[in-house]
Protein backbone atom coordinates (compact mmCIF):
# COMPACT_ATOMS: atom_id res chain seq x y z
CA MET A 1 8.15 -2.14 -29.02
CA ASP A 2 7.95 0.76 -31.45
CA LYS A 3 11.10 1.66 -33.32
CA LEU A 4 13.07 4.38 -31.58
CA ASN A 5 13.09 7.36 -33.96
CA PHE A 6 16.45 9.09 -33.65
CA GLU A 7 15.47 11.67 -36.28
CA ASN A 8 12.74 12.90 -33.92
CA ILE A 9 15.14 12.99 -30.99
CA PHE A 10 17.68 15.09 -32.92
CA PHE A 11 15.05 17.01 -34.93
CA ASP A 12 16.05 20.55 -33.88
CA ALA A 13 19.54 19.77 -32.62
CA LEU A 14 21.18 20.71 -35.93
CA ASP A 15 19.13 23.84 -36.60
CA THR A 16 21.56 26.60 -37.55
CA PHE A 17 19.06 29.46 -37.29
CA LYS A 18 20.38 30.75 -40.63
CA VAL A 19 23.54 32.12 -38.95
CA PHE A 20 25.53 31.86 -42.17
CA GLU A 21 22.81 33.17 -44.47
CA ASP A 22 24.04 36.20 -46.42
CA LEU A 23 27.33 36.23 -44.52
CA LYS A 24 29.53 38.80 -46.23
CA LEU A 25 33.31 39.13 -46.14
CA ASP A 26 33.36 42.25 -43.94
CA TYR A 27 31.12 40.70 -41.29
CA ALA A 28 32.89 37.34 -41.38
CA ASN A 29 36.28 38.94 -40.70
CA LYS A 30 35.19 41.74 -38.39
CA THR A 31 36.73 41.75 -34.93
CA ILE A 32 34.54 42.87 -32.05
CA ALA A 33 36.10 44.38 -28.93
CA ASP A 34 36.56 41.81 -26.15
CA THR A 35 35.51 38.98 -28.48
CA PRO A 36 38.38 36.58 -29.12
CA LYS A 37 37.21 35.09 -32.44
CA THR A 38 35.61 36.20 -35.69
CA VAL A 39 32.65 34.50 -37.37
CA TRP A 40 35.11 33.27 -40.03
CA GLN A 41 37.33 31.65 -37.43
CA ILE A 42 34.37 29.97 -35.74
CA LEU A 43 33.03 28.68 -39.07
CA ASN A 44 36.40 27.15 -39.93
CA HIS A 45 36.74 25.66 -36.47
CA LEU A 46 33.29 24.06 -36.82
CA ILE A 47 34.16 22.59 -40.21
CA ILE A 48 37.43 21.06 -38.99
CA TRP A 49 35.94 19.72 -35.76
CA GLN A 50 32.77 18.36 -37.40
CA GLN A 51 34.85 16.61 -40.07
CA TYR A 52 36.89 14.99 -37.34
CA GLN A 53 33.71 13.86 -35.56
CA LEU A 54 32.24 12.59 -38.85
CA ASN A 55 35.41 10.59 -39.45
CA ILE A 56 35.00 9.01 -36.02
CA LEU A 57 31.33 8.23 -36.67
CA ASN A 58 32.28 6.66 -40.00
CA GLN A 59 34.86 4.56 -38.14
CA GLN A 60 37.84 5.71 -40.15
CA ILE A 61 40.90 3.66 -39.37
CA ASN A 62 44.16 5.29 -38.25
CA LEU A 63 42.44 8.54 -37.46
CA LYS A 64 44.88 11.05 -36.01
CA HIS A 65 43.53 12.69 -32.88
CA ILE A 66 43.23 16.45 -33.17
CA ASP A 67 43.39 18.88 -30.33
CA GLU A 68 40.46 21.28 -30.55
CA THR A 69 42.76 24.23 -29.93
CA GLU A 70 44.57 23.38 -33.17
CA THR A 71 41.36 23.88 -35.18
CA TRP A 72 41.23 27.66 -34.91
CA GLN A 73 41.99 29.45 -38.16
CA VAL A 74 44.02 32.59 -37.59
CA SER A 75 43.91 34.37 -40.94
CA ASN A 76 40.92 36.18 -42.37
CA ALA A 77 39.01 35.15 -45.45
CA HIS A 78 40.36 36.90 -48.53
CA GLU A 79 37.43 36.55 -50.93
CA GLN A 80 33.66 36.14 -50.68
CA ASP A 81 34.01 32.89 -52.67
CA GLU A 82 36.10 31.48 -49.81
CA ILE A 83 33.28 32.17 -47.35
CA ASP A 84 30.61 30.80 -49.69
CA ALA A 85 32.61 27.59 -50.21
CA ALA A 86 33.10 27.15 -46.46
CA ILE A 87 29.35 27.55 -45.89
CA VAL A 88 28.63 24.90 -48.54
CA THR A 89 31.11 22.56 -46.81
CA PHE A 90 29.50 23.25 -43.42
CA ASN A 91 25.98 22.63 -44.78
CA ASN A 92 27.10 19.39 -46.44
CA GLN A 93 28.51 18.22 -43.11
CA ILE A 94 25.17 18.91 -41.44
CA LYS A 95 23.44 16.84 -44.15
CA ARG A 96 25.90 13.99 -43.57
CA ILE A 97 25.30 14.14 -39.81
CA LYS A 98 21.54 13.99 -40.42
CA ALA A 99 22.04 10.99 -42.71
CA ILE A 100 23.96 9.21 -39.97
CA ILE A 101 21.17 9.99 -37.51
CA SER A 102 18.55 8.59 -39.89
CA SER A 103 20.54 5.35 -40.23
CA LEU A 104 20.77 4.70 -36.49
CA SER A 105 19.17 1.68 -34.92
CA VAL A 106 19.09 0.52 -31.31
CA ASP A 107 20.32 -2.84 -32.61
CA MET A 108 23.67 -1.39 -33.67
CA PRO A 109 26.49 -2.76 -31.54
CA ASP A 110 28.08 0.70 -31.22
CA ILE A 111 24.87 2.72 -30.78
CA GLN A 112 25.87 4.20 -27.41
CA SER A 113 29.18 5.41 -28.81
CA LYS A 114 27.51 6.95 -31.88
CA LEU A 115 24.91 8.69 -29.72
CA LYS A 116 27.66 10.11 -27.51
CA TYR A 117 29.49 11.54 -30.54
CA LEU A 118 26.24 12.97 -31.90
CA GLN A 119 25.53 14.57 -28.53
CA ASP A 120 29.03 16.08 -28.59
CA ILE A 121 28.50 17.38 -32.14
CA THR A 122 25.15 18.98 -31.34
CA SER A 123 26.20 20.60 -28.06
CA HIS A 124 29.44 21.89 -29.63
CA LEU A 125 27.49 23.26 -32.60
CA SER A 126 24.92 24.90 -30.32
CA PHE A 127 27.62 26.65 -28.29
CA HIS A 128 29.34 28.11 -31.34
CA LEU A 129 26.09 29.07 -33.09
CA GLY A 130 25.22 31.07 -29.98
CA GLU A 131 28.57 32.85 -30.25
CA ILE A 132 27.97 33.67 -33.90
CA ILE A 133 24.46 34.96 -33.23
CA LEU A 134 25.78 37.22 -30.48
CA ILE A 135 28.65 38.50 -32.66
CA ARG A 136 26.37 39.19 -35.61
CA ARG A 137 23.84 40.93 -33.38
CA GLN A 138 26.58 43.13 -31.97
CA MET A 139 27.41 44.07 -35.57
CA LYS A 140 23.71 44.77 -36.24
CA ASN A 141 23.85 41.99 -38.83
CA TYR A 142 21.41 39.46 -37.39
CA PRO A 143 17.81 39.75 -36.13
CA GLN A 144 17.09 40.49 -32.51
CA PRO A 145 15.13 37.88 -30.50
CA HIS A 146 11.74 39.50 -31.16
CA GLU A 147 12.47 39.43 -34.93
CA MET A 148 13.48 35.76 -35.12
CA LYS A 149 10.08 34.22 -35.89
CA HIS A 150 9.68 36.37 -39.00
CA PHE A 151 13.36 35.88 -40.01
CA LEU A 152 13.22 32.10 -39.72
CA ALA A 153 9.90 31.91 -41.60
CA LYS A 154 11.37 33.56 -44.71
C-alpha cells in the first residue's frame, strides 16, 4: 500500500488567505457595529488556543485544560510592534502544525487522536479566518471575492 500522505490531505487546511498581511493598529483594534470581537482579539484567541492544541499534540504532561472562553483578549493592542509580534507568533504556530502533519504516519499508535486534534485546529482556524475576512472587508481593508485571485497571487 502507498504511504498515506497527510501533507496532501491538509494541504490547504492551514491557508490563511493573507488575513494578517499589512494589518495595522487602527484596523486591528477597530470595533464594527454588531460585531462582538476585533481582529486583534481574534488573533490573540487563535494564538492562545493553537498553543494549547500544539501542547496537546506534543503530549505535554500536566497540561492544564483551558476553557475557550478564557482565551479572549479584552484590551486593544497599544503599538504596531505588538501586532507584528503576534503575527510572527501565529505564523510560527502554523509552521509547527505543518511540521507535525509532515511527521504523521498511519503506524503511530495515537494517529487517530492526532488527526482529531488537527481537524479541530483546522476547522477552528477556518471559522475565525472567515470572521476576520468579513470584518476587514467591512472596513474596506481586504479584497472582495472577485479580487482574491489577484491578491493571493501577489
